[in-house]
PDB file of N, CA and C in Angstrom:
ATOM      1  N   UNK A   1     -11.052 -66.054 -32.123  1.00  0.00           N
ATOM      2  CA  UNK A   1     -12.487 -66.332 -32.004  1.00  0.00           C
ATOM      3  C   UNK A   1     -12.958 -65.982 -30.598  1.00  0.00           C
ATOM      4  N   UNK A   2     -14.053 -65.300 -30.499  1.00  0.00           N
ATOM      5  CA  UNK A   2     -14.580 -64.869 -29.212  1.00  0.00           C
ATOM      6  C   UNK A   2     -15.051 -66.060 -28.381  1.00  0.00           C
ATOM      7  N   UNK A   3     -14.729 -66.015 -27.098  1.00  0.00           N
ATOM      8  CA  UNK A   3     -15.112 -67.069 -26.163  1.00  0.00           C
ATOM      9  C   UNK A   3     -16.570 -66.893 -25.739  1.00  0.00           C
ATOM     10  N   UNK A   4     -17.039 -65.636 -25.710  1.00  0.00           N
ATOM     11  CA  UNK A   4     -18.404 -65.315 -25.310  1.00  0.00           C
ATOM     12  C   UNK A   4     -19.146 -64.706 -26.494  1.00  0.00           C
ATOM     13  N   UNK A   5     -20.466 -64.695 -26.410  1.00  0.00           N
ATOM     14  CA  UNK A   5     -21.255 -64.086 -27.471  1.00  0.00           C
ATOM     15  C   UNK A   5     -22.389 -63.265 -26.889  1.00  0.00           C
ATOM     16  N   UNK A   6     -23.009 -62.458 -27.752  1.00  0.00           N
ATOM     17  CA  UNK A   6     -24.112 -61.608 -27.338  1.00  0.00           C
ATOM     18  C   UNK A   6     -25.187 -62.465 -26.674  1.00  0.00           C
ATOM     19  N   UNK A   7     -25.679 -61.970 -25.525  1.00  0.00           N
ATOM     20  CA  UNK A   7     -26.709 -62.692 -24.772  1.00  0.00           C
ATOM     21  C   UNK A   7     -26.172 -63.568 -23.644  1.00  0.00           C
ATOM     22  N   UNK A   8     -24.856 -63.821 -23.633  1.00  0.00           N
ATOM     23  CA  UNK A   8     -24.271 -64.622 -22.544  1.00  0.00           C
ATOM     24  C   UNK A   8     -24.338 -63.874 -21.231  1.00  0.00           C
ATOM     25  N   UNK A   9     -24.603 -64.597 -20.142  1.00  0.00           N
ATOM     26  CA  UNK A   9     -24.655 -64.029 -18.805  1.00  0.00           C
ATOM     27  C   UNK A   9     -23.280 -64.244 -18.170  1.00  0.00           C
ATOM     28  N   UNK A  10     -22.627 -63.157 -17.735  1.00  0.00           N
ATOM     29  CA  UNK A  10     -21.262 -63.209 -17.216  1.00  0.00           C
ATOM     30  C   UNK A  10     -21.146 -62.422 -15.910  1.00  0.00           C
ATOM     31  N   UNK A  11     -20.036 -62.623 -15.217  1.00  0.00           N
ATOM     32  CA  UNK A  11     -19.736 -61.825 -14.028  1.00  0.00           C
ATOM     33  C   UNK A  11     -18.292 -61.373 -14.093  1.00  0.00           C
ATOM     34  N   UNK A  12     -17.971 -60.331 -13.287  1.00  0.00           N
ATOM     35  CA  UNK A  12     -16.622 -59.784 -13.235  1.00  0.00           C
ATOM     36  C   UNK A  12     -16.438 -59.070 -11.900  1.00  0.00           C
ATOM     37  N   UNK A  13     -15.201 -58.838 -11.522  1.00  0.00           N
ATOM     38  CA  UNK A  13     -14.882 -58.114 -10.307  1.00  0.00           C
ATOM     39  C   UNK A  13     -14.888 -56.617 -10.567  1.00  0.00           C
ATOM     40  N   UNK A  14     -15.461 -55.857  -9.625  1.00  0.00           N
ATOM     41  CA  UNK A  14     -15.414 -54.400  -9.699  1.00  0.00           C
ATOM     42  C   UNK A  14     -15.020 -53.881  -8.329  1.00  0.00           C
ATOM     43  N   UNK A  15     -14.901 -52.571  -8.222  1.00  0.00           N
ATOM     44  CA  UNK A  15     -14.562 -51.968  -6.928  1.00  0.00           C
ATOM     45  C   UNK A  15     -15.627 -52.300  -5.877  1.00  0.00           C
ATOM     46  N   UNK A  16     -16.855 -52.519  -6.328  1.00  0.00           N
ATOM     47  CA  UNK A  16     -17.963 -52.800  -5.416  1.00  0.00           C
ATOM     48  C   UNK A  16     -18.146 -54.307  -5.154  1.00  0.00           C
ATOM     49  N   UNK A  17     -17.268 -55.131  -5.700  1.00  0.00           N
ATOM     50  CA  UNK A  17     -17.384 -56.573  -5.525  1.00  0.00           C
ATOM     51  C   UNK A  17     -17.773 -57.240  -6.832  1.00  0.00           C
ATOM     52  N   UNK A  18     -18.291 -58.443  -6.728  1.00  0.00           N
ATOM     53  CA  UNK A  18     -18.663 -59.210  -7.931  1.00  0.00           C
ATOM     54  C   UNK A  18     -19.937 -58.642  -8.546  1.00  0.00           C
ATOM     55  N   UNK A  19     -19.907 -58.415  -9.858  1.00  0.00           N
ATOM     56  CA  UNK A  19     -21.022 -57.841 -10.593  1.00  0.00           C
ATOM     57  C   UNK A  19     -21.376 -58.804 -11.728  1.00  0.00           C
ATOM     58  N   UNK A  20     -22.652 -58.825 -12.119  1.00  0.00           N
ATOM     59  CA  UNK A  20     -23.056 -59.688 -13.218  1.00  0.00           C
ATOM     60  C   UNK A  20     -23.876 -58.901 -14.234  1.00  0.00           C
ATOM     61  N   UNK A  21     -23.930 -59.427 -15.449  1.00  0.00           N
ATOM     62  CA  UNK A  21     -24.695 -58.774 -16.498  1.00  0.00           C
ATOM     63  C   UNK A  21     -24.747 -59.631 -17.744  1.00  0.00           C
ATOM     64  N   UNK A  22     -25.372 -59.074 -18.775  1.00  0.00           N
ATOM     65  CA  UNK A  22     -25.552 -59.773 -20.042  1.00  0.00           C
ATOM     66  C   UNK A  22     -24.798 -59.036 -21.140  1.00  0.00           C
ATOM     67  N   UNK A  23     -24.056 -59.795 -21.942  1.00  0.00           N
ATOM     68  CA  UNK A  23     -23.285 -59.193 -23.033  1.00  0.00           C
ATOM     69  C   UNK A  23     -24.230 -58.645 -24.090  1.00  0.00           C
ATOM     70  N   UNK A  24     -24.034 -57.360 -24.426  1.00  0.00           N
ATOM     71  CA  UNK A  24     -24.885 -56.724 -25.436  1.00  0.00           C
ATOM     72  C   UNK A  24     -24.159 -56.512 -26.757  1.00  0.00           C
ATOM     73  N   UNK A  25     -22.817 -56.443 -26.724  1.00  0.00           N
ATOM     74  CA  UNK A  25     -22.030 -56.258 -27.955  1.00  0.00           C
ATOM     75  C   UNK A  25     -20.693 -56.967 -27.805  1.00  0.00           C
ATOM     76  N   UNK A  26     -20.189 -57.494 -28.917  1.00  0.00           N
ATOM     77  CA  UNK A  26     -18.866 -58.085 -28.982  1.00  0.00           C
ATOM     78  C   UNK A  26     -18.058 -57.252 -29.964  1.00  0.00           C
ATOM     79  N   UNK A  27     -16.924 -56.710 -29.513  1.00  0.00           N
ATOM     80  CA  UNK A  27     -16.071 -55.858 -30.362  1.00  0.00           C
ATOM     81  C   UNK A  27     -14.828 -56.643 -30.760  1.00  0.00           C
ATOM     82  N   UNK A  28     -14.573 -56.678 -32.078  1.00  0.00           N
ATOM     83  CA  UNK A  28     -13.382 -57.339 -32.589  1.00  0.00           C
ATOM     84  C   UNK A  28     -12.479 -56.358 -33.326  1.00  0.00           C
ATOM     85  N   UNK A  29     -12.725 -55.063 -33.104  1.00  0.00           N
ATOM     86  CA  UNK A  29     -11.826 -54.013 -33.592  1.00  0.00           C
ATOM     87  C   UNK A  29     -11.932 -52.850 -32.612  1.00  0.00           C
ATOM     88  N   UNK A  30     -10.969 -51.926 -32.668  1.00  0.00           N
ATOM     89  CA  UNK A  30     -10.948 -50.805 -31.742  1.00  0.00           C
ATOM     90  C   UNK A  30     -12.269 -50.054 -31.767  1.00  0.00           C
ATOM     91  N   UNK A  31     -12.699 -49.542 -30.602  1.00  0.00           N
ATOM     92  CA  UNK A  31     -13.970 -48.836 -30.508  1.00  0.00           C
ATOM     93  C   UNK A  31     -13.889 -47.767 -29.434  1.00  0.00           C
ATOM     94  N   UNK A  32     -14.767 -46.771 -29.545  1.00  0.00           N
ATOM     95  CA  UNK A  32     -14.866 -45.702 -28.563  1.00  0.00           C
ATOM     96  C   UNK A  32     -15.906 -46.107 -27.518  1.00  0.00           C
ATOM     97  N   UNK A  33     -15.571 -45.908 -26.241  1.00  0.00           N
ATOM     98  CA  UNK A  33     -16.493 -46.237 -25.159  1.00  0.00           C
ATOM     99  C   UNK A  33     -16.260 -45.242 -24.029  1.00  0.00           C
ATOM    100  N   UNK A  34     -17.287 -44.484 -23.715  1.00  0.00           N
ATOM    101  CA  UNK A  34     -17.233 -43.482 -22.641  1.00  0.00           C
ATOM    102  C   UNK A  34     -16.029 -42.540 -22.812  1.00  0.00           C
ATOM    103  N   UNK A  35     -15.831 -42.102 -24.062  1.00  0.00           N
ATOM    104  CA  UNK A  35     -14.795 -41.116 -24.340  1.00  0.00           C
ATOM    105  C   UNK A  35     -13.382 -41.645 -24.464  1.00  0.00           C
ATOM    106  N   UNK A  36     -13.218 -42.961 -24.427  1.00  0.00           N
ATOM    107  CA  UNK A  36     -11.875 -43.530 -24.537  1.00  0.00           C
ATOM    108  C   UNK A  36     -11.848 -44.597 -25.633  1.00  0.00           C
ATOM    109  N   UNK A  37     -10.686 -44.773 -26.239  1.00  0.00           N
ATOM    110  CA  UNK A  37     -10.521 -45.815 -27.241  1.00  0.00           C
ATOM    111  C   UNK A  37     -10.151 -47.109 -26.545  1.00  0.00           C
ATOM    112  N   UNK A  38     -10.898 -48.158 -26.820  1.00  0.00           N
ATOM    113  CA  UNK A  38     -10.595 -49.497 -26.305  1.00  0.00           C
ATOM    114  C   UNK A  38     -10.086 -50.324 -27.470  1.00  0.00           C
ATOM    115  N   UNK A  39      -9.015 -51.060 -27.223  1.00  0.00           N
ATOM    116  CA  UNK A  39      -8.390 -51.854 -28.279  1.00  0.00           C
ATOM    117  C   UNK A  39      -8.934 -53.275 -28.234  1.00  0.00           C
ATOM    118  N   UNK A  40      -9.347 -53.758 -29.401  1.00  0.00           N
ATOM    119  CA  UNK A  40      -9.891 -55.107 -29.505  1.00  0.00           C
ATOM    120  C   UNK A  40      -9.522 -55.671 -30.874  1.00  0.00           C
ATOM    121  N   UNK A  41      -9.515 -56.982 -30.962  1.00  0.00           N
ATOM    122  CA  UNK A  41      -9.250 -57.670 -32.224  1.00  0.00           C
ATOM    123  C   UNK A  41      -9.960 -59.010 -32.191  1.00  0.00           C
ATOM    124  N   UNK A  42      -9.938 -59.736 -33.305  1.00  0.00           N
ATOM    125  CA  UNK A  42     -10.557 -61.063 -33.324  1.00  0.00           C
ATOM    126  C   UNK A  42      -9.893 -61.990 -32.316  1.00  0.00           C
ATOM    127  N   UNK A  43      -8.588 -61.834 -32.123  1.00  0.00           N
ATOM    128  CA  UNK A  43      -7.849 -62.671 -31.181  1.00  0.00           C
ATOM    129  C   UNK A  43      -7.967 -62.187 -29.742  1.00  0.00           C
ATOM    130  N   UNK A  44      -8.348 -60.927 -29.552  1.00  0.00           N
ATOM    131  CA  UNK A  44      -8.467 -60.336 -28.215  1.00  0.00           C
ATOM    132  C   UNK A  44      -9.691 -59.417 -28.155  1.00  0.00           C
ATOM    133  N   UNK A  45     -10.912 -60.008 -28.224  1.00  0.00           N
ATOM    134  CA  UNK A  45     -12.127 -59.187 -28.257  1.00  0.00           C
ATOM    135  C   UNK A  45     -12.416 -58.517 -26.928  1.00  0.00           C
ATOM    136  N   UNK A  46     -13.255 -57.487 -26.978  1.00  0.00           N
ATOM    137  CA  UNK A  46     -13.804 -56.877 -25.775  1.00  0.00           C
ATOM    138  C   UNK A  46     -15.308 -56.918 -25.864  1.00  0.00           C
ATOM    139  N   UNK A  47     -15.945 -56.843 -24.699  1.00  0.00           N
ATOM    140  CA  UNK A  47     -17.382 -57.021 -24.612  1.00  0.00           C
ATOM    141  C   UNK A  47     -18.035 -55.861 -23.882  1.00  0.00           C
ATOM    142  N   UNK A  48     -19.204 -55.404 -24.392  1.00  0.00           N
ATOM    143  CA  UNK A  48     -20.034 -54.442 -23.660  1.00  0.00           C
ATOM    144  C   UNK A  48     -21.078 -55.275 -22.922  1.00  0.00           C
ATOM    145  N   UNK A  49     -21.257 -54.952 -21.630  1.00  0.00           N
ATOM    146  CA  UNK A  49     -22.112 -55.752 -20.771  1.00  0.00           C
ATOM    147  C   UNK A  49     -23.082 -54.854 -20.039  1.00  0.00           C
ATOM    148  N   UNK A  50     -24.375 -55.191 -20.120  1.00  0.00           N
ATOM    149  CA  UNK A  50     -25.424 -54.473 -19.384  1.00  0.00           C
ATOM    150  C   UNK A  50     -25.543 -55.092 -18.000  1.00  0.00           C
ATOM    151  N   UNK A  51     -25.357 -54.287 -16.962  1.00  0.00           N
ATOM    152  CA  UNK A  51     -25.440 -54.757 -15.587  1.00  0.00           C
ATOM    153  C   UNK A  51     -26.833 -55.309 -15.270  1.00  0.00           C
ATOM    154  N   UNK A  52     -26.882 -56.363 -14.456  1.00  0.00           N
ATOM    155  CA  UNK A  52     -28.153 -56.951 -14.032  1.00  0.00           C
ATOM    156  C   UNK A  52     -28.922 -56.035 -13.083  1.00  0.00           C
ATOM    157  N   UNK A  53     -28.204 -55.261 -12.257  1.00  0.00           N
ATOM    158  CA  UNK A  53     -28.847 -54.525 -11.174  1.00  0.00           C
ATOM    159  C   UNK A  53     -28.994 -53.028 -11.409  1.00  0.00           C
ATOM    160  N   UNK A  54     -28.238 -52.462 -12.349  1.00  0.00           N
ATOM    161  CA  UNK A  54     -28.307 -51.025 -12.609  1.00  0.00           C
ATOM    162  C   UNK A  54     -28.376 -50.793 -14.115  1.00  0.00           C
ATOM    163  N   UNK A  55     -28.415 -49.529 -14.514  1.00  0.00           N
ATOM    164  CA  UNK A  55     -28.410 -49.228 -15.953  1.00  0.00           C
ATOM    165  C   UNK A  55     -26.979 -49.038 -16.464  1.00  0.00           C
ATOM    166  N   UNK A  56     -25.998 -49.410 -15.668  1.00  0.00           N
ATOM    167  CA  UNK A  56     -24.584 -49.270 -16.025  1.00  0.00           C
ATOM    168  C   UNK A  56     -24.217 -50.222 -17.168  1.00  0.00           C
ATOM    169  N   UNK A  57     -23.393 -49.726 -18.086  1.00  0.00           N
ATOM    170  CA  UNK A  57     -22.831 -50.552 -19.144  1.00  0.00           C
ATOM    171  C   UNK A  57     -21.328 -50.555 -18.963  1.00  0.00           C
ATOM    172  N   UNK A  58     -20.725 -51.736 -18.987  1.00  0.00           N
ATOM    173  CA  UNK A  58     -19.290 -51.880 -18.783  1.00  0.00           C
ATOM    174  C   UNK A  58     -18.652 -52.476 -20.042  1.00  0.00           C
ATOM    175  N   UNK A  59     -17.362 -52.243 -20.214  1.00  0.00           N
ATOM    176  CA  UNK A  59     -16.602 -52.868 -21.297  1.00  0.00           C
ATOM    177  C   UNK A  59     -15.437 -53.614 -20.653  1.00  0.00           C
ATOM    178  N   UNK A  60     -15.288 -54.896 -21.020  1.00  0.00           N
ATOM    179  CA  UNK A  60     -14.233 -55.709 -20.427  1.00  0.00           C
ATOM    180  C   UNK A  60     -13.605 -56.640 -21.448  1.00  0.00           C
ATOM    181  N   UNK A  61     -12.359 -56.976 -21.192  1.00  0.00           N
ATOM    182  CA  UNK A  61     -11.671 -57.992 -21.976  1.00  0.00           C
ATOM    183  C   UNK A  61     -12.172 -59.372 -21.522  1.00  0.00           C
ATOM    184  N   UNK A  62     -11.942 -60.333 -22.394  1.00  0.00           N
ATOM    185  CA  UNK A  62     -12.379 -61.702 -22.134  1.00  0.00           C
ATOM    186  C   UNK A  62     -11.815 -62.266 -20.834  1.00  0.00           C
ATOM    187  N   UNK A  63     -10.569 -61.945 -20.541  1.00  0.00           N
ATOM    188  CA  UNK A  63      -9.915 -62.511 -19.350  1.00  0.00           C
ATOM    189  C   UNK A  63     -10.528 -62.051 -18.038  1.00  0.00           C
ATOM    190  N   UNK A  64     -11.297 -60.962 -18.056  1.00  0.00           N
ATOM    191  CA  UNK A  64     -11.919 -60.437 -16.834  1.00  0.00           C
ATOM    192  C   UNK A  64     -13.263 -61.096 -16.559  1.00  0.00           C
ATOM    193  N   UNK A  65     -13.803 -61.866 -17.504  1.00  0.00           N
ATOM    194  CA  UNK A  65     -15.165 -62.362 -17.420  1.00  0.00           C
ATOM    195  C   UNK A  65     -15.235 -63.853 -17.068  1.00  0.00           C
ATOM    196  N   UNK A  66     -16.302 -64.196 -16.352  1.00  0.00           N
ATOM    197  CA  UNK A  66     -16.622 -65.593 -16.034  1.00  0.00           C
ATOM    198  C   UNK A  66     -18.061 -65.838 -16.451  1.00  0.00           C
ATOM    199  N   UNK A  67     -18.303 -66.919 -17.175  1.00  0.00           N
ATOM    200  CA  UNK A  67     -19.660 -67.251 -17.610  1.00  0.00           C
ATOM    201  C   UNK A  67     -20.487 -67.752 -16.432  1.00  0.00           C
ATOM    202  N   UNK A  68     -21.737 -67.295 -16.371  1.00  0.00           N
ATOM    203  CA  UNK A  68     -22.694 -67.746 -15.364  1.00  0.00           C
ATOM    204  C   UNK A  68     -23.733 -68.587 -16.111  1.00  0.00           C
ATOM    205  N   UNK A  69     -23.937 -69.799 -15.671  1.00  0.00           N
ATOM    206  CA  UNK A  69     -24.914 -70.676 -16.352  1.00  0.00           C
ATOM    207  C   UNK A  69     -26.257 -70.633 -15.686  1.00  0.00           C
TER     208      UNK A  69
END
């Protein structure tokens, strides 16, 4: 079961430091993202996140994310 859901505000570490955004999609099966296959399942979902400050979209596993309230 996914720990986060669409619309949740989260943050994660990137090369540029801490970044935040809003989850736009929850993937519970393998999916293509920026030309690469990302592996996901119901037990290990991945999330697409729209950055708060840029038009960048990121994909991350649950373990990389922290909820922002």
